[in-house]
Amino acid sequence: MAKSFNRHFQFLGSSKHVKPSGPLWLPAADVYQTEEGWIVKVELAGVAAEDVEIEVQGNQLYIAGCRKDKSCAAGVSYHQMEITYSRFEKSLAFPASIDGVQVDHMFENGLLIIRLKKAK
């Protein structure tokens, strides 16, 4: 499991065993291999940093959280809704174990960028 912790993210070992209350949103992701390890970009427009969980275990990177609609006040009725506001999960398998990698992450223009650096 990742040993890195950042005040904007939570690493929760038990969260992926929780049953969702409704359909999950599945964000798109790109994965790049570099000399230092891996770069993962996940499309998470409108998701707050504090609503994201990241876990590394074996050869799996698990990302979960929730996109919430915080811009509408009570009493508002919608005319058209196309943006999904719900819990999301993304599990990515790597060709080998990524346990022990250094995990760095940041949000940039609606993308969650995760850098997985190999141990030296």
C-alpha atoms as a PDB file:
ATOM      1  CA  MET A   1       0.000   0.000   0.000  1.00  0.00           C
ATOM      2  CA  ALA A   2       1.214   3.499  -0.691  1.00  0.00           C
ATOM      3  CA  LYS A   3       3.042   5.093   2.197  1.00  0.00           C
ATOM      4  CA  SER A   4       2.756   8.604   0.775  1.00  0.00           C
ATOM      5  CA  PHE A   5       0.089  10.840   2.281  1.00  0.00           C
ATOM      6  CA  ASN A   6      -0.973  14.286   1.222  1.00  0.00           C
ATOM      7  CA  ARG A   7      -3.491  16.493   3.017  1.00  0.00           C
ATOM      8  CA  HIS A   8      -5.507  16.763  -0.207  1.00  0.00           C
ATOM      9  CA  PHE A   9      -5.849  13.005  -0.700  1.00  0.00           C
ATOM     10  CA  GLN A  10      -6.740   9.996   1.411  1.00  0.00           C
ATOM     11  CA  PHE A  11      -5.238   6.541   1.063  1.00  0.00           C
ATOM     12  CA  LEU A  12      -7.943   4.201   2.339  1.00  0.00           C
ATOM     13  CA  GLY A  13      -7.326   0.481   2.333  1.00  0.00           C
ATOM     14  CA  SER A  14     -10.928  -0.548   2.932  1.00  0.00           C
ATOM     15  CA  SER A  15     -12.786   1.786   0.555  1.00  0.00           C
ATOM     16  CA  LYS A  16     -12.754  -0.492  -2.493  1.00  0.00           C
ATOM     17  CA  HIS A  17     -14.665  -3.151  -0.565  1.00  0.00           C
ATOM     18  CA  VAL A  18     -17.639  -0.823   0.005  1.00  0.00           C
ATOM     19  CA  LYS A  19     -20.645  -1.492  -2.245  1.00  0.00           C
ATOM     20  CA  PRO A  20     -21.732   1.594  -4.226  1.00  0.00           C
ATOM     21  CA  SER A  21     -25.294   2.849  -3.754  1.00  0.00           C
ATOM     22  CA  GLY A  22     -25.796   3.472  -7.480  1.00  0.00           C
ATOM     23  CA  PRO A  23     -24.100   3.316 -10.855  1.00  0.00           C
ATOM     24  CA  LEU A  24     -20.442   4.261 -10.884  1.00  0.00           C
ATOM     25  CA  TRP A  25     -18.929   6.853 -13.174  1.00  0.00           C
ATOM     26  CA  LEU A  26     -15.791   5.523 -14.915  1.00  0.00           C
ATOM     27  CA  PRO A  27     -13.335   8.336 -15.726  1.00  0.00           C
ATOM     28  CA  ALA A  28     -10.954   8.043 -18.683  1.00  0.00           C
ATOM     29  CA  ALA A  29      -7.258   7.512 -17.948  1.00  0.00           C
ATOM     30  CA  ASP A  30      -3.948   7.579 -19.841  1.00  0.00           C
ATOM     31  CA  VAL A  31      -0.896   5.649 -18.600  1.00  0.00           C
ATOM     32  CA  TYR A  32       2.677   6.378 -19.701  1.00  0.00           C
ATOM     33  CA  GLN A  33       5.838   4.475 -18.794  1.00  0.00           C
ATOM     34  CA  THR A  34       8.947   6.567 -18.166  1.00  0.00           C
ATOM     35  CA  GLU A  35      12.523   5.800 -17.125  1.00  0.00           C
ATOM     36  CA  GLU A  36      11.616   6.753 -13.544  1.00  0.00           C
ATOM     37  CA  GLY A  37       8.340   4.785 -13.389  1.00  0.00           C
ATOM     38  CA  TRP A  38       4.856   5.721 -14.572  1.00  0.00           C
ATOM     39  CA  ILE A  39       2.654   8.762 -15.193  1.00  0.00           C
ATOM     40  CA  VAL A  40      -1.108   8.347 -14.936  1.00  0.00           C
ATOM     41  CA  LYS A  41      -3.543  11.059 -16.065  1.00  0.00           C
ATOM     42  CA  VAL A  42      -7.202  10.704 -15.027  1.00  0.00           C
ATOM     43  CA  GLU A  43      -9.951  12.963 -16.371  1.00  0.00           C
ATOM     44  CA  LEU A  44     -11.645  14.355 -13.227  1.00  0.00           C
ATOM     45  CA  ALA A  45     -13.100  17.746 -14.149  1.00  0.00           C
ATOM     46  CA  GLY A  46     -15.209  19.141 -11.334  1.00  0.00           C
ATOM     47  CA  VAL A  47     -13.876  16.748  -8.680  1.00  0.00           C
ATOM     48  CA  ALA A  48     -12.483  18.311  -5.512  1.00  0.00           C
ATOM     49  CA  ALA A  49      -9.073  17.090  -4.361  1.00  0.00           C
ATOM     50  CA  GLU A  50     -10.452  16.166  -0.940  1.00  0.00           C
ATOM     51  CA  ASP A  51     -12.978  13.828  -2.602  1.00  0.00           C
ATOM     52  CA  VAL A  52     -10.307  11.539  -4.129  1.00  0.00           C
ATOM     53  CA  GLU A  53      -8.778   8.335  -2.718  1.00  0.00           C
ATOM     54  CA  ILE A  54      -5.670   6.657  -4.168  1.00  0.00           C
ATOM     55  CA  GLU A  55      -4.287   3.235  -3.257  1.00  0.00           C
ATOM     56  CA  VAL A  56      -1.413   1.139  -4.610  1.00  0.00           C
ATOM     57  CA  GLN A  57      -1.402  -2.599  -3.986  1.00  0.00           C
ATOM     58  CA  GLY A  58       0.488  -5.269  -5.896  1.00  0.00           C
ATOM     59  CA  ASN A  59       0.267  -4.349  -9.564  1.00  0.00           C
ATOM     60  CA  GLN A  60      -2.948  -2.305  -9.138  1.00  0.00           C
ATOM     61  CA  LEU A  61      -3.529   1.447  -8.867  1.00  0.00           C
ATOM     62  CA  TYR A  62      -6.982   2.146  -7.432  1.00  0.00           C
ATOM     63  CA  ILE A  63      -8.546   5.628  -7.691  1.00  0.00           C
ATOM     64  CA  ALA A  64     -11.990   6.434  -6.293  1.00  0.00           C
ATOM     65  CA  GLY A  65     -14.051   9.382  -5.181  1.00  0.00           C
ATOM     66  CA  CYS A  66     -17.133  11.414  -5.922  1.00  0.00           C
ATOM     67  CA  ARG A  67     -18.027  14.337  -8.189  1.00  0.00           C
ATOM     68  CA  LYS A  68     -20.595  16.521  -6.415  1.00  0.00           C
ATOM     69  CA  ASP A  69     -22.735  19.342  -7.786  1.00  0.00           C
ATOM     70  CA  LYS A  70     -21.959  22.145  -5.346  1.00  0.00           C
ATOM     71  CA  SER A  71     -23.067  25.013  -7.600  1.00  0.00           C
ATOM     72  CA  CYS A  72     -26.855  24.612  -7.394  1.00  0.00           C
ATOM     73  CA  ALA A  73     -28.872  25.917  -4.480  1.00  0.00           C
ATOM     74  CA  ALA A  74     -31.977  24.357  -2.939  1.00  0.00           C
ATOM     75  CA  GLY A  75     -35.167  24.959  -4.878  1.00  0.00           C
ATOM     76  CA  VAL A  76     -33.484  24.918  -8.291  1.00  0.00           C
ATOM     77  CA  SER A  77     -35.013  22.688 -10.959  1.00  0.00           C
ATOM     78  CA  TYR A  78     -32.955  21.505 -13.883  1.00  0.00           C
ATOM     79  CA  HIS A  79     -33.749  21.917 -17.562  1.00  0.00           C
ATOM     80  CA  GLN A  80     -30.966  19.681 -18.923  1.00  0.00           C
ATOM     81  CA  MET A  81     -28.407  17.467 -17.122  1.00  0.00           C
ATOM     82  CA  GLU A  82     -25.578  15.714 -18.953  1.00  0.00           C
ATOM     83  CA  ILE A  83     -22.760  15.815 -16.385  1.00  0.00           C
ATOM     84  CA  THR A  84     -22.548  12.760 -14.145  1.00  0.00           C
ATOM     85  CA  TYR A  85     -22.490  13.547 -10.420  1.00  0.00           C
ATOM     86  CA  SER A  86     -21.814  10.330  -8.561  1.00  0.00           C
ATOM     87  CA  ARG A  87     -19.152   8.086  -7.112  1.00  0.00           C
ATOM     88  CA  PHE A  88     -16.385   6.961  -9.475  1.00  0.00           C
ATOM     89  CA  GLU A  89     -13.783   4.228  -9.448  1.00  0.00           C
ATOM     90  CA  LYS A  90     -10.846   3.427 -11.680  1.00  0.00           C
ATOM     91  CA  SER A  91      -8.583   0.421 -11.256  1.00  0.00           C
ATOM     92  CA  LEU A  92      -5.493   0.179 -13.444  1.00  0.00           C
ATOM     93  CA  ALA A  93      -3.358  -2.959 -13.769  1.00  0.00           C
ATOM     94  CA  PHE A  94       0.372  -2.620 -14.381  1.00  0.00           C
ATOM     95  CA  PRO A  95       2.585  -5.343 -15.930  1.00  0.00           C
ATOM     96  CA  ALA A  96       4.512  -5.795 -12.654  1.00  0.00           C
ATOM     97  CA  SER A  97       4.148  -4.926  -8.975  1.00  0.00           C
ATOM     98  CA  ILE A  98       4.134  -1.208  -8.176  1.00  0.00           C
ATOM     99  CA  ASP A  99       4.230  -1.729  -4.397  1.00  0.00           C
ATOM    100  CA  GLY A 100       6.788   0.556  -2.804  1.00  0.00           C
ATOM    101  CA  VAL A 101       6.675   3.249  -5.494  1.00  0.00           C
ATOM    102  CA  GLN A 102       6.818   6.893  -4.460  1.00  0.00           C
ATOM    103  CA  VAL A 103       3.416   8.441  -5.238  1.00  0.00           C
ATOM    104  CA  ASP A 104       3.189  12.132  -6.181  1.00  0.00           C
ATOM    105  CA  HIS A 105      -0.067  13.653  -7.414  1.00  0.00           C
ATOM    106  CA  MET A 106      -1.652  16.962  -8.371  1.00  0.00           C
ATOM    107  CA  PHE A 107      -4.655  18.406 -10.171  1.00  0.00           C
ATOM    108  CA  GLU A 108      -3.991  20.331 -13.386  1.00  0.00           C
ATOM    109  CA  ASN A 109      -6.788  21.714 -15.615  1.00  0.00           C
ATOM    110  CA  GLY A 110      -9.317  19.016 -14.682  1.00  0.00           C
ATOM    111  CA  LEU A 111      -6.793  16.173 -14.799  1.00  0.00           C
ATOM    112  CA  LEU A 112      -5.489  14.224 -11.824  1.00  0.00           C
ATOM    113  CA  ILE A 113      -1.827  13.546 -12.590  1.00  0.00           C
ATOM    114  CA  ILE A 114      -0.195  10.755 -10.601  1.00  0.00           C
ATOM    115  CA  ARG A 115       3.538  10.044 -10.803  1.00  0.00           C
ATOM    116  CA  LEU A 116       4.654   6.621  -9.628  1.00  0.00           C
ATOM    117  CA  LYS A 117       8.428   6.681  -9.120  1.00  0.00           C
ATOM    118  CA  LYS A 118      10.363   3.443  -8.752  1.00  0.00           C
ATOM    119  CA  ALA A 119      12.277   2.929  -5.512  1.00  0.00           C
ATOM    120  CA  LYS A 120      16.014   3.499  -5.940  1.00  0.00           C
END
